[in-house]
Amino acid sequence: MYIYNVTINIDDAVHEEWLTWIESHILEVLNTGKFTSAKFTQVLIEEEMGGKTYSIQYTTETKEDLERYYQENAESLRLKSIKKFGDKMLTFRTELKLIREFYPTAVSN
């Protein structure tokens, strides 16, 4: 499993508008058919630059699906967000490969 993580810092001046917009954007990314789910989280560390920071983690089963997203969809979706929010939004992206998940086990007394 692979995770395509997008971290976004959004300027306070457009924060409320962005929060409304980002939900439809996440659905648009999911509707490309390359991802199986997405988690939308707020980063709780305050940035020196101000604004609020969020992370969206898109999950995909294969590296090939992620590569197809880059080739077929990523540029047009990025351009939409840049056109709408310009320099009020700073983003960076990270690719992660899931090695193993751990869960708590029952402890017997």
PDB file of N, CA and C in Angstrom:
ATOM      1  N   MET A   1       0.836  -1.168   0.000  1.00  0.00           N
ATOM      2  CA  MET A   1       0.000   0.000   0.000  1.00  0.00           C
ATOM      3  C   MET A   1       0.890   1.243   0.000  1.00  0.00           C
ATOM      4  N   TYR A   2       0.427   2.270  -0.693  1.00  0.00           N
ATOM      5  CA  TYR A   2       1.176   3.520  -0.799  1.00  0.00           C
ATOM      6  C   TYR A   2       0.299   4.669  -0.330  1.00  0.00           C
ATOM      7  N   ILE A   3       0.947   5.667   0.244  1.00  0.00           N
ATOM      8  CA  ILE A   3       0.244   6.861   0.697  1.00  0.00           C
ATOM      9  C   ILE A   3       0.860   8.063   0.003  1.00  0.00           C
ATOM     10  N   TYR A   4       0.005   8.825  -0.643  1.00  0.00           N
ATOM     11  CA  TYR A   4       0.401  10.088  -1.263  1.00  0.00           C
ATOM     12  C   TYR A   4      -0.056  11.169  -0.301  1.00  0.00           C
ATOM     13  N   ASN A   5       0.896  11.778   0.386  1.00  0.00           N
ATOM     14  CA  ASN A   5       0.610  12.770   1.418  1.00  0.00           C
ATOM     15  C   ASN A   5       0.810  14.176   0.859  1.00  0.00           C
ATOM     16  N   VAL A   6      -0.213  15.007   0.993  1.00  0.00           N
ATOM     17  CA  VAL A   6      -0.128  16.400   0.569  1.00  0.00           C
ATOM     18  C   VAL A   6      -0.300  17.257   1.819  1.00  0.00           C
ATOM     19  N   THR A   7       0.710  18.050   2.140  1.00  0.00           N
ATOM     20  CA  THR A   7       0.653  18.952   3.286  1.00  0.00           C
ATOM     21  C   THR A   7       0.454  20.368   2.758  1.00  0.00           C
ATOM     22  N   ILE A   8      -0.513  21.063   3.338  1.00  0.00           N
ATOM     23  CA  ILE A   8      -0.895  22.391   2.847  1.00  0.00           C
ATOM     24  C   ILE A   8      -0.917  23.380   4.000  1.00  0.00           C
ATOM     25  N   ASN A   9      -0.272  24.516   3.806  1.00  0.00           N
ATOM     26  CA  ASN A   9      -0.419  25.644   4.719  1.00  0.00           C
ATOM     27  C   ASN A   9      -1.292  26.663   4.010  1.00  0.00           C
ATOM     28  N   ILE A  10      -2.388  27.053   4.653  1.00  0.00           N
ATOM     29  CA  ILE A  10      -3.335  27.966   4.039  1.00  0.00           C
ATOM     30  C   ILE A  10      -3.409  29.261   4.838  1.00  0.00           C
ATOM     31  N   ASP A  11      -3.351  30.362   4.126  1.00  0.00           N
ATOM     32  CA  ASP A  11      -3.398  31.701   4.726  1.00  0.00           C
ATOM     33  C   ASP A  11      -4.735  31.909   5.434  1.00  0.00           C
ATOM     34  N   ASP A  12      -4.692  32.548   6.595  1.00  0.00           N
ATOM     35  CA  ASP A  12      -5.907  32.812   7.367  1.00  0.00           C
ATOM     36  C   ASP A  12      -6.947  33.587   6.561  1.00  0.00           C
ATOM     37  N   ALA A  13      -6.512  34.436   5.632  1.00  0.00           N
ATOM     38  CA  ALA A  13      -7.427  35.272   4.859  1.00  0.00           C
ATOM     39  C   ALA A  13      -8.383  34.457   3.986  1.00  0.00           C
ATOM     40  N   VAL A  14      -7.972  33.258   3.583  1.00  0.00           N
ATOM     41  CA  VAL A  14      -8.822  32.424   2.718  1.00  0.00           C
ATOM     42  C   VAL A  14      -9.167  31.080   3.371  1.00  0.00           C
ATOM     43  N   HIS A  15      -8.865  30.957   4.644  1.00  0.00           N
ATOM     44  CA  HIS A  15      -9.018  29.680   5.336  1.00  0.00           C
ATOM     45  C   HIS A  15     -10.434  29.113   5.234  1.00  0.00           C
ATOM     46  N   GLU A  16     -11.449  29.875   5.546  1.00  0.00           N
ATOM     47  CA  GLU A  16     -12.822  29.365   5.541  1.00  0.00           C
ATOM     48  C   GLU A  16     -13.260  28.956   4.138  1.00  0.00           C
ATOM     49  N   GLU A  17     -12.920  29.768   3.144  1.00  0.00           N
ATOM     50  CA  GLU A  17     -13.246  29.430   1.753  1.00  0.00           C
ATOM     51  C   GLU A  17     -12.535  28.138   1.342  1.00  0.00           C
ATOM     52  N   TRP A  18     -11.270  28.025   1.727  1.00  0.00           N
ATOM     53  CA  TRP A  18     -10.483  26.841   1.378  1.00  0.00           C
ATOM     54  C   TRP A  18     -11.062  25.579   2.016  1.00  0.00           C
ATOM     55  N   LEU A  19     -11.488  25.675   3.299  1.00  0.00           N
ATOM     56  CA  LEU A  19     -12.058  24.512   3.978  1.00  0.00           C
ATOM     57  C   LEU A  19     -13.287  23.973   3.240  1.00  0.00           C
ATOM     58  N   THR A  20     -14.100  24.858   2.713  1.00  0.00           N
ATOM     59  CA  THR A  20     -15.266  24.434   1.939  1.00  0.00           C
ATOM     60  C   THR A  20     -14.826  23.798   0.625  1.00  0.00           C
ATOM     61  N   TRP A  21     -13.872  24.425  -0.048  1.00  0.00           N
ATOM     62  CA  TRP A  21     -13.397  23.964  -1.351  1.00  0.00           C
ATOM     63  C   TRP A  21     -12.663  22.623  -1.268  1.00  0.00           C
ATOM     64  N   ILE A  22     -11.845  22.424  -0.233  1.00  0.00           N
ATOM     65  CA  ILE A  22     -10.960  21.255  -0.198  1.00  0.00           C
ATOM     66  C   ILE A  22     -11.737  19.941  -0.163  1.00  0.00           C
ATOM     67  N   GLU A  23     -12.902  19.925   0.439  1.00  0.00           N
ATOM     68  CA  GLU A  23     -13.675  18.688   0.476  1.00  0.00           C
ATOM     69  C   GLU A  23     -14.060  18.232  -0.931  1.00  0.00           C
ATOM     70  N   SER A  24     -14.481  19.173  -1.771  1.00  0.00           N
ATOM     71  CA  SER A  24     -14.816  18.795  -3.154  1.00  0.00           C
ATOM     72  C   SER A  24     -13.553  18.416  -3.927  1.00  0.00           C
ATOM     73  N   HIS A  25     -12.435  19.060  -3.614  1.00  0.00           N
ATOM     74  CA  HIS A  25     -11.167  18.722  -4.269  1.00  0.00           C
ATOM     75  C   HIS A  25     -10.738  17.294  -3.917  1.00  0.00           C
ATOM     76  N   ILE A  26     -10.855  16.928  -2.646  1.00  0.00           N
ATOM     77  CA  ILE A  26     -10.494  15.571  -2.218  1.00  0.00           C
ATOM     78  C   ILE A  26     -11.344  14.555  -2.970  1.00  0.00           C
ATOM     79  N   LEU A  27     -12.637  14.804  -3.075  1.00  0.00           N
ATOM     80  CA  LEU A  27     -13.518  13.895  -3.810  1.00  0.00           C
ATOM     81  C   LEU A  27     -13.134  13.827  -5.283  1.00  0.00           C
ATOM     82  N   GLU A  28     -12.717  14.953  -5.848  1.00  0.00           N
ATOM     83  CA  GLU A  28     -12.282  14.964  -7.249  1.00  0.00           C
ATOM     84  C   GLU A  28     -11.039  14.085  -7.433  1.00  0.00           C
ATOM     85  N   VAL A  29     -10.102  14.162  -6.504  1.00  0.00           N
ATOM     86  CA  VAL A  29      -8.904  13.316  -6.563  1.00  0.00           C
ATOM     87  C   VAL A  29      -9.306  11.843  -6.429  1.00  0.00           C
ATOM     88  N   LEU A  30     -10.169  11.534  -5.475  1.00  0.00           N
ATOM     89  CA  LEU A  30     -10.615  10.148  -5.299  1.00  0.00           C
ATOM     90  C   LEU A  30     -11.343   9.631  -6.532  1.00  0.00           C
ATOM     91  N   ASN A  31     -12.104  10.488  -7.183  1.00  0.00           N
ATOM     92  CA  ASN A  31     -12.877  10.078  -8.353  1.00  0.00           C
ATOM     93  C   ASN A  31     -12.020   9.852  -9.600  1.00  0.00           C
ATOM     94  N   THR A  32     -10.705  10.076  -9.499  1.00  0.00           N
ATOM     95  CA  THR A  32      -9.826   9.707 -10.610  1.00  0.00           C
ATOM     96  C   THR A  32      -9.720   8.190 -10.716  1.00  0.00           C
ATOM     97  N   GLY A  33     -10.088   7.491  -9.648  1.00  0.00           N
ATOM     98  CA  GLY A  33     -10.008   6.036  -9.640  1.00  0.00           C
ATOM     99  C   GLY A  33      -8.646   5.490  -9.262  1.00  0.00           C
ATOM    100  N   LYS A  34      -7.715   6.373  -8.902  1.00  0.00           N
ATOM    101  CA  LYS A  34      -6.361   5.916  -8.574  1.00  0.00           C
ATOM    102  C   LYS A  34      -6.179   5.636  -7.082  1.00  0.00           C
ATOM    103  N   PHE A  35      -7.077   6.128  -6.243  1.00  0.00           N
ATOM    104  CA  PHE A  35      -6.939   6.008  -4.790  1.00  0.00           C
ATOM    105  C   PHE A  35      -8.147   5.296  -4.199  1.00  0.00           C
ATOM    106  N   THR A  36      -7.930   4.614  -3.076  1.00  0.00           N
ATOM    107  CA  THR A  36      -9.012   3.874  -2.430  1.00  0.00           C
ATOM    108  C   THR A  36      -9.638   4.645  -1.273  1.00  0.00           C
ATOM    109  N   SER A  37      -8.913   5.607  -0.700  1.00  0.00           N
ATOM    110  CA  SER A  37      -9.450   6.394   0.410  1.00  0.00           C
ATOM    111  C   SER A  37      -8.579   7.625   0.624  1.00  0.00           C
ATOM    112  N   ALA A  38      -9.082   8.521   1.481  1.00  0.00           N
ATOM    113  CA  ALA A  38      -8.315   9.711   1.853  1.00  0.00           C
ATOM    114  C   ALA A  38      -8.614  10.059   3.304  1.00  0.00           C
ATOM    115  N   LYS A  39      -7.597  10.529   3.999  1.00  0.00           N
ATOM    116  CA  LYS A  39      -7.753  11.052   5.357  1.00  0.00           C
ATOM    117  C   LYS A  39      -7.372  12.524   5.328  1.00  0.00           C
ATOM    118  N   PHE A  40      -8.222  13.353   5.901  1.00  0.00           N
ATOM    119  CA  PHE A  40      -8.002  14.799   5.949  1.00  0.00           C
ATOM    120  C   PHE A  40      -7.746  15.165   7.406  1.00  0.00           C
ATOM    121  N   THR A  41      -6.553  15.662   7.701  1.00  0.00           N
ATOM    122  CA  THR A  41      -6.180  15.956   9.082  1.00  0.00           C
ATOM    123  C   THR A  41      -5.624  17.373   9.209  1.00  0.00           C
ATOM    124  N   GLN A  42      -5.733  17.920  10.408  1.00  0.00           N
ATOM    125  CA  GLN A  42      -5.122  19.211  10.697  1.00  0.00           C
ATOM    126  C   GLN A  42      -3.827  18.968  11.455  1.00  0.00           C
ATOM    127  N   VAL A  43      -2.774  19.648  11.054  1.00  0.00           N
ATOM    128  CA  VAL A  43      -1.485  19.583  11.735  1.00  0.00           C
ATOM    129  C   VAL A  43      -1.586  20.509  12.947  1.00  0.00           C
ATOM    130  N   LEU A  44      -1.256  20.004  14.124  1.00  0.00           N
ATOM    131  CA  LEU A  44      -1.482  20.767  15.353  1.00  0.00           C
ATOM    132  C   LEU A  44      -0.297  21.615  15.794  1.00  0.00           C
ATOM    133  N   ILE A  45       0.759  21.639  15.011  1.00  0.00           N
ATOM    134  CA  ILE A  45       1.917  22.477  15.321  1.00  0.00           C
ATOM    135  C   ILE A  45       1.711  23.841  14.671  1.00  0.00           C
ATOM    136  N   GLU A  46       1.938  24.903  15.438  1.00  0.00           N
ATOM    137  CA  GLU A  46       1.811  26.247  14.876  1.00  0.00           C
ATOM    138  C   GLU A  46       3.044  26.577  14.048  1.00  0.00           C
ATOM    139  N   GLU A  47       2.795  27.087  12.847  1.00  0.00           N
ATOM    140  CA  GLU A  47       3.877  27.458  11.939  1.00  0.00           C
ATOM    141  C   GLU A  47       4.305  28.896  12.192  1.00  0.00           C
ATOM    142  N   GLU A  48       5.606  29.154  12.088  1.00  0.00           N
ATOM    143  CA  GLU A  48       6.113  30.523  12.237  1.00  0.00           C
ATOM    144  C   GLU A  48       5.517  31.451  11.195  1.00  0.00           C
ATOM    145  N   MET A  49       5.246  30.921  10.007  1.00  0.00           N
ATOM    146  CA  MET A  49       4.736  31.744   8.913  1.00  0.00           C
ATOM    147  C   MET A  49       3.261  32.086   9.090  1.00  0.00           C
ATOM    148  N   GLY A  50       2.610  31.475  10.089  1.00  0.00           N
ATOM    149  CA  GLY A  50       1.192  31.727  10.311  1.00  0.00           C
ATOM    150  C   GLY A  50       0.335  30.788   9.488  1.00  0.00           C
ATOM    151  N   GLY A  51      -0.949  31.093   9.413  1.00  0.00           N
ATOM    152  CA  GLY A  51      -1.875  30.247   8.686  1.00  0.00           C
ATOM    153  C   GLY A  51      -2.141  28.957   9.435  1.00  0.00           C
ATOM    154  N   LYS A  52      -2.874  28.084   8.782  1.00  0.00           N
ATOM    155  CA  LYS A  52      -3.172  26.776   9.358  1.00  0.00           C
ATOM    156  C   LYS A  52      -2.655  25.704   8.405  1.00  0.00           C
ATOM    157  N   THR A  53      -2.227  24.589   8.970  1.00  0.00           N
ATOM    158  CA  THR A  53      -1.625  23.531   8.164  1.00  0.00           C
ATOM    159  C   THR A  53      -2.458  22.263   8.264  1.00  0.00           C
ATOM    160  N   TYR A  54      -2.623  21.613   7.111  1.00  0.00           N
ATOM    161  CA  TYR A  54      -3.407  20.387   7.001  1.00  0.00           C
ATOM    162  C   TYR A  54      -2.607  19.346   6.230  1.00  0.00           C
ATOM    163  N   SER A  55      -3.017  18.089   6.410  1.00  0.00           N
ATOM    164  CA  SER A  55      -2.433  16.992   5.656  1.00  0.00           C
ATOM    165  C   SER A  55      -3.568  16.152   5.089  1.00  0.00           C
ATOM    166  N   ILE A  56      -3.426  15.784   3.821  1.00  0.00           N
ATOM    167  CA  ILE A  56      -4.366  14.866   3.196  1.00  0.00           C
ATOM    168  C   ILE A  56      -3.552  13.643   2.783  1.00  0.00           C
ATOM    169  N   GLN A  57      -3.991  12.488   3.234  1.00  0.00           N
ATOM    170  CA  GLN A  57      -3.292  11.240   2.925  1.00  0.00           C
ATOM    171  C   GLN A  57      -4.185  10.383   2.038  1.00  0.00           C
ATOM    172  N   TYR A  58      -3.789  10.285   0.770  1.00  0.00           N
ATOM    173  CA  TYR A  58      -4.510   9.468  -0.204  1.00  0.00           C
ATOM    174  C   TYR A  58      -3.858   8.092  -0.247  1.00  0.00           C
ATOM    175  N   THR A  59      -4.654   7.045  -0.148  1.00  0.00           N
ATOM    176  CA  THR A  59      -4.152   5.678  -0.137  1.00  0.00           C
ATOM    177  C   THR A  59      -4.389   5.022  -1.488  1.00  0.00           C
ATOM    178  N   THR A  60      -3.365   4.312  -1.977  1.00  0.00           N
ATOM    179  CA  THR A  60      -3.483   3.552  -3.219  1.00  0.00           C
ATOM    180  C   THR A  60      -2.814   2.192  -3.027  1.00  0.00           C
ATOM    181  N   GLU A  61      -3.291   1.218  -3.757  1.00  0.00           N
ATOM    182  CA  GLU A  61      -2.770  -0.134  -3.594  1.00  0.00           C
ATOM    183  C   GLU A  61      -1.420  -0.339  -4.271  1.00  0.00           C
ATOM    184  N   THR A  62      -1.156   0.354  -5.383  1.00  0.00           N
ATOM    185  CA  THR A  62       0.069   0.095  -6.138  1.00  0.00           C
ATOM    186  C   THR A  62       0.807   1.384  -6.485  1.00  0.00           C
ATOM    187  N   LYS A  63       2.086   1.251  -6.663  1.00  0.00           N
ATOM    188  CA  LYS A  63       2.922   2.367  -7.121  1.00  0.00           C
ATOM    189  C   LYS A  63       2.501   2.782  -8.536  1.00  0.00           C
ATOM    190  N   GLU A  64       2.059   1.815  -9.324  1.00  0.00           N
ATOM    191  CA  GLU A  64       1.622   2.099 -10.700  1.00  0.00           C
ATOM    192  C   GLU A  64       0.398   3.018 -10.709  1.00  0.00           C
ATOM    193  N   ASP A  65      -0.534   2.808  -9.773  1.00  0.00           N
ATOM    194  CA  ASP A  65      -1.699   3.699  -9.680  1.00  0.00           C
ATOM    195  C   ASP A  65      -1.266   5.120  -9.351  1.00  0.00           C
ATOM    196  N   LEU A  66      -0.290   5.247  -8.473  1.00  0.00           N
ATOM    197  CA  LEU A  66       0.218   6.573  -8.120  1.00  0.00           C
ATOM    198  C   LEU A  66       0.896   7.216  -9.329  1.00  0.00           C
ATOM    199  N   GLU A  67       1.683   6.452 -10.057  1.00  0.00           N
ATOM    200  CA  GLU A  67       2.344   6.973 -11.263  1.00  0.00           C
ATOM    201  C   GLU A  67       1.314   7.398 -12.317  1.00  0.00           C
ATOM    202  N   ARG A  68       0.252   6.601 -12.467  1.00  0.00           N
ATOM    203  CA  ARG A  68      -0.802   6.970 -13.422  1.00  0.00           C
ATOM    204  C   ARG A  68      -1.500   8.258 -12.995  1.00  0.00           C
ATOM    205  N   TYR A  69      -1.663   8.456 -11.686  1.00  0.00           N
ATOM    206  CA  TYR A  69      -2.238   9.712 -11.187  1.00  0.00           C
ATOM    207  C   TYR A  69      -1.357  10.891 -11.600  1.00  0.00           C
ATOM    208  N   TYR A  70      -0.050  10.754 -11.397  1.00  0.00           N
ATOM    209  CA  TYR A  70       0.873  11.823 -11.799  1.00  0.00           C
ATOM    210  C   TYR A  70       0.756  12.113 -13.293  1.00  0.00           C
ATOM    211  N   GLN A  71       0.717  11.079 -14.099  1.00  0.00           N
ATOM    212  CA  GLN A  71       0.698  11.236 -15.559  1.00  0.00           C
ATOM    213  C   GLN A  71      -0.630  11.774 -16.077  1.00  0.00           C
ATOM    214  N   GLU A  72      -1.739  11.337 -15.488  1.00  0.00           N
ATOM    215  CA  GLU A  72      -3.046  11.620 -16.058  1.00  0.00           C
ATOM    216  C   GLU A  72      -3.835  12.733 -15.366  1.00  0.00           C
ATOM    217  N   ASN A  73      -3.569  12.999 -14.078  1.00  0.00           N
ATOM    218  CA  ASN A  73      -4.461  13.882 -13.331  1.00  0.00           C
ATOM    219  C   ASN A  73      -3.786  14.983 -12.524  1.00  0.00           C
ATOM    220  N   ALA A  74      -2.605  14.730 -12.004  1.00  0.00           N
ATOM    221  CA  ALA A  74      -2.006  15.614 -11.001  1.00  0.00           C
ATOM    222  C   ALA A  74      -1.867  17.056 -11.479  1.00  0.00           C
ATOM    223  N   GLU A  75      -1.339  17.242 -12.657  1.00  0.00           N
ATOM    224  CA  GLU A  75      -1.073  18.607 -13.129  1.00  0.00           C
ATOM    225  C   GLU A  75      -2.346  19.443 -13.226  1.00  0.00           C
ATOM    226  N   SER A  76      -3.391  18.903 -13.821  1.00  0.00           N
ATOM    227  CA  SER A  76      -4.619  19.691 -13.989  1.00  0.00           C
ATOM    228  C   SER A  76      -5.257  20.008 -12.635  1.00  0.00           C
ATOM    229  N   LEU A  77      -5.208  19.062 -11.700  1.00  0.00           N
ATOM    230  CA  LEU A  77      -5.779  19.325 -10.375  1.00  0.00           C
ATOM    231  C   LEU A  77      -4.950  20.340  -9.602  1.00  0.00           C
ATOM    232  N   ARG A  78      -3.641  20.286  -9.729  1.00  0.00           N
ATOM    233  CA  ARG A  78      -2.785  21.287  -9.069  1.00  0.00           C
ATOM    234  C   ARG A  78      -3.036  22.673  -9.638  1.00  0.00           C
ATOM    235  N   LEU A  79      -3.165  22.749 -10.959  1.00  0.00           N
ATOM    236  CA  LEU A  79      -3.399  24.052 -11.592  1.00  0.00           C
ATOM    237  C   LEU A  79      -4.714  24.675 -11.137  1.00  0.00           C
ATOM    238  N   LYS A  80      -5.733  23.867 -10.933  1.00  0.00           N
ATOM    239  CA  LYS A  80      -7.011  24.383 -10.414  1.00  0.00           C
ATOM    240  C   LYS A  80      -6.822  25.032  -9.048  1.00  0.00           C
ATOM    241  N   SER A  81      -6.080  24.362  -8.173  1.00  0.00           N
ATOM    242  CA  SER A  81      -5.888  24.902  -6.827  1.00  0.00           C
ATOM    243  C   SER A  81      -5.017  26.153  -6.856  1.00  0.00           C
ATOM    244  N   ILE A  82      -4.011  26.171  -7.710  1.00  0.00           N
ATOM    245  CA  ILE A  82      -3.155  27.350  -7.828  1.00  0.00           C
ATOM    246  C   ILE A  82      -3.958  28.529  -8.374  1.00  0.00           C
ATOM    247  N   LYS A  83      -4.788  28.259  -9.370  1.00  0.00           N
ATOM    248  CA  LYS A  83      -5.613  29.319  -9.955  1.00  0.00           C
ATOM    249  C   LYS A  83      -6.556  29.905  -8.906  1.00  0.00           C
ATOM    250  N   LYS A  84      -7.095  29.063  -8.054  1.00  0.00           N
ATOM    251  CA  LYS A  84      -8.071  29.514  -7.061  1.00  0.00           C
ATOM    252  C   LYS A  84      -7.417  30.221  -5.873  1.00  0.00           C
ATOM    253  N   PHE A  85      -6.278  29.710  -5.372  1.00  0.00           N
ATOM    254  CA  PHE A  85      -5.702  30.241  -4.132  1.00  0.00           C
ATOM    255  C   PHE A  85      -4.318  30.861  -4.279  1.00  0.00           C
ATOM    256  N   GLY A  86      -3.656  30.643  -5.397  1.00  0.00           N
ATOM    257  CA  GLY A  86      -2.363  31.277  -5.671  1.00  0.00           C
ATOM    258  C   GLY A  86      -1.374  31.176  -4.529  1.00  0.00           C
ATOM    259  N   ASP A  87      -0.816  32.321  -4.159  1.00  0.00           N
ATOM    260  CA  ASP A  87       0.221  32.344  -3.124  1.00  0.00           C
ATOM    261  C   ASP A  87      -0.347  32.315  -1.706  1.00  0.00           C
ATOM    262  N   LYS A  88      -1.645  32.135  -1.565  1.00  0.00           N
ATOM    263  CA  LYS A  88      -2.265  32.004  -0.236  1.00  0.00           C
ATOM    264  C   LYS A  88      -2.182  30.563   0.268  1.00  0.00           C
ATOM    265  N   MET A  89      -1.626  29.686  -0.558  1.00  0.00           N
ATOM    266  CA  MET A  89      -1.545  28.276  -0.233  1.00  0.00           C
ATOM    267  C   MET A  89      -0.142  27.764  -0.578  1.00  0.00           C
ATOM    268  N   LEU A  90       0.480  27.115   0.381  1.00  0.00           N
ATOM    269  CA  LEU A  90       1.803  26.518   0.176  1.00  0.00           C
ATOM    270  C   LEU A  90       1.653  25.013   0.384  1.00  0.00           C
ATOM    271  N   THR A  91       2.114  24.211  -0.591  1.00  0.00           N
ATOM    272  CA  THR A  91       1.964  22.766  -0.480  1.00  0.00           C
ATOM    273  C   THR A  91       3.287  22.040  -0.689  1.00  0.00           C
ATOM    274  N   PHE A  92       3.392  20.882  -0.084  1.00  0.00           N
ATOM    275  CA  PHE A  92       4.459  19.962  -0.456  1.00  0.00           C
ATOM    276  C   PHE A  92       3.926  18.550  -0.358  1.00  0.00           C
ATOM    277  N   ARG A  93       4.509  17.677  -1.145  1.00  0.00           N
ATOM    278  CA  ARG A  93       4.008  16.323  -1.296  1.00  0.00           C
ATOM    279  C   ARG A  93       5.062  15.296  -0.901  1.00  0.00           C
ATOM    280  N   THR A  94       4.587  14.192  -0.333  1.00  0.00           N
ATOM    281  CA  THR A  94       5.461  13.113   0.094  1.00  0.00           C
ATOM    282  C   THR A  94       4.827  11.785  -0.316  1.00  0.00           C
ATOM    283  N   GLU A  95       5.646  10.866  -0.795  1.00  0.00           N
ATOM    284  CA  GLU A  95       5.180   9.509  -1.081  1.00  0.00           C
ATOM    285  C   GLU A  95       5.665   8.601   0.035  1.00  0.00           C
ATOM    286  N   LEU A  96       4.755   7.758   0.514  1.00  0.00           N
ATOM    287  CA  LEU A  96       5.089   6.819   1.572  1.00  0.00           C
ATOM    288  C   LEU A  96       4.711   5.410   1.137  1.00  0.00           C
ATOM    289  N   LYS A  97       5.503   4.443   1.522  1.00  0.00           N
ATOM    290  CA  LYS A  97       5.176   3.040   1.276  1.00  0.00           C
ATOM    291  C   LYS A  97       4.919   2.392   2.632  1.00  0.00           C
ATOM    292  N   LEU A  98       3.750   1.808   2.786  1.00  0.00           N
ATOM    293  CA  LEU A  98       3.409   1.137   4.032  1.00  0.00           C
ATOM    294  C   LEU A  98       4.188  -0.171   4.124  1.00  0.00           C
ATOM    295  N   ILE A  99       4.949  -0.309   5.178  1.00  0.00           N
ATOM    296  CA  ILE A  99       5.720  -1.532   5.409  1.00  0.00           C
ATOM    297  C   ILE A  99       4.896  -2.521   6.234  1.00  0.00           C
ATOM    298  N   ARG A 100       4.329  -2.041   7.318  1.00  0.00           N
ATOM    299  CA  ARG A 100       3.542  -2.906   8.190  1.00  0.00           C
ATOM    300  C   ARG A 100       2.701  -2.039   9.106  1.00  0.00           C
ATOM    301  N   GLU A 101       1.514  -2.521   9.436  1.00  0.00           N
ATOM    302  CA  GLU A 101       0.663  -1.846  10.414  1.00  0.00           C
ATOM    303  C   GLU A 101       0.688  -2.646  11.699  1.00  0.00           C
ATOM    304  N   PHE A 102       0.653  -1.946  12.820  1.00  0.00           N
ATOM    305  CA  PHE A 102       0.638  -2.583  14.138  1.00  0.00           C
ATOM    306  C   PHE A 102      -0.623  -2.160  14.876  1.00  0.00           C
ATOM    307  N   TYR A 103      -1.161  -3.069  15.634  1.00  0.00           N
ATOM    308  CA  TYR A 103      -2.346  -2.801  16.450  1.00  0.00           C
ATOM    309  C   TYR A 103      -2.085  -3.315  17.856  1.00  0.00           C
ATOM    310  N   PRO A 104      -2.734  -2.725  18.849  1.00  0.00           N
ATOM    311  CA  PRO A 104      -2.520  -3.217  20.217  1.00  0.00           C
ATOM    312  C   PRO A 104      -3.069  -4.637  20.342  1.00  0.00           C
ATOM    313  N   THR A 105      -2.415  -5.373  21.198  1.00  0.00           N
ATOM    314  CA  THR A 105      -2.891  -6.728  21.460  1.00  0.00           C
ATOM    315  C   THR A 105      -3.498  -6.761  22.855  1.00  0.00           C
ATOM    316  N   ALA A 106      -4.376  -7.699  23.065  1.00  0.00           N
ATOM    317  CA  ALA A 106      -4.991  -7.842  24.389  1.00  0.00           C
ATOM    318  C   ALA A 106      -3.938  -8.272  25.398  1.00  0.00           C
ATOM    319  N   VAL A 107      -3.945  -7.640  26.523  1.00  0.00           N
ATOM    320  CA  VAL A 107      -2.994  -7.987  27.590  1.00  0.00           C
ATOM    321  C   VAL A 107      -3.741  -8.827  28.620  1.00  0.00           C
ATOM    322  N   SER A 108      -3.207 -10.001  28.903  1.00  0.00           N
ATOM    323  CA  SER A 108      -3.861 -10.857  29.914  1.00  0.00           C
ATOM    324  C   SER A 108      -3.212 -10.623  31.271  1.00  0.00           C
ATOM    325  N   ASN A 109      -4.013 -10.630  32.310  1.00  0.00           N
ATOM    326  CA  ASN A 109      -3.505 -10.395  33.669  1.00  0.00           C
ATOM    327  C   ASN A 109      -3.346 -11.682  34.411  1.00  0.00           C
TER     328      ASN A 109
END
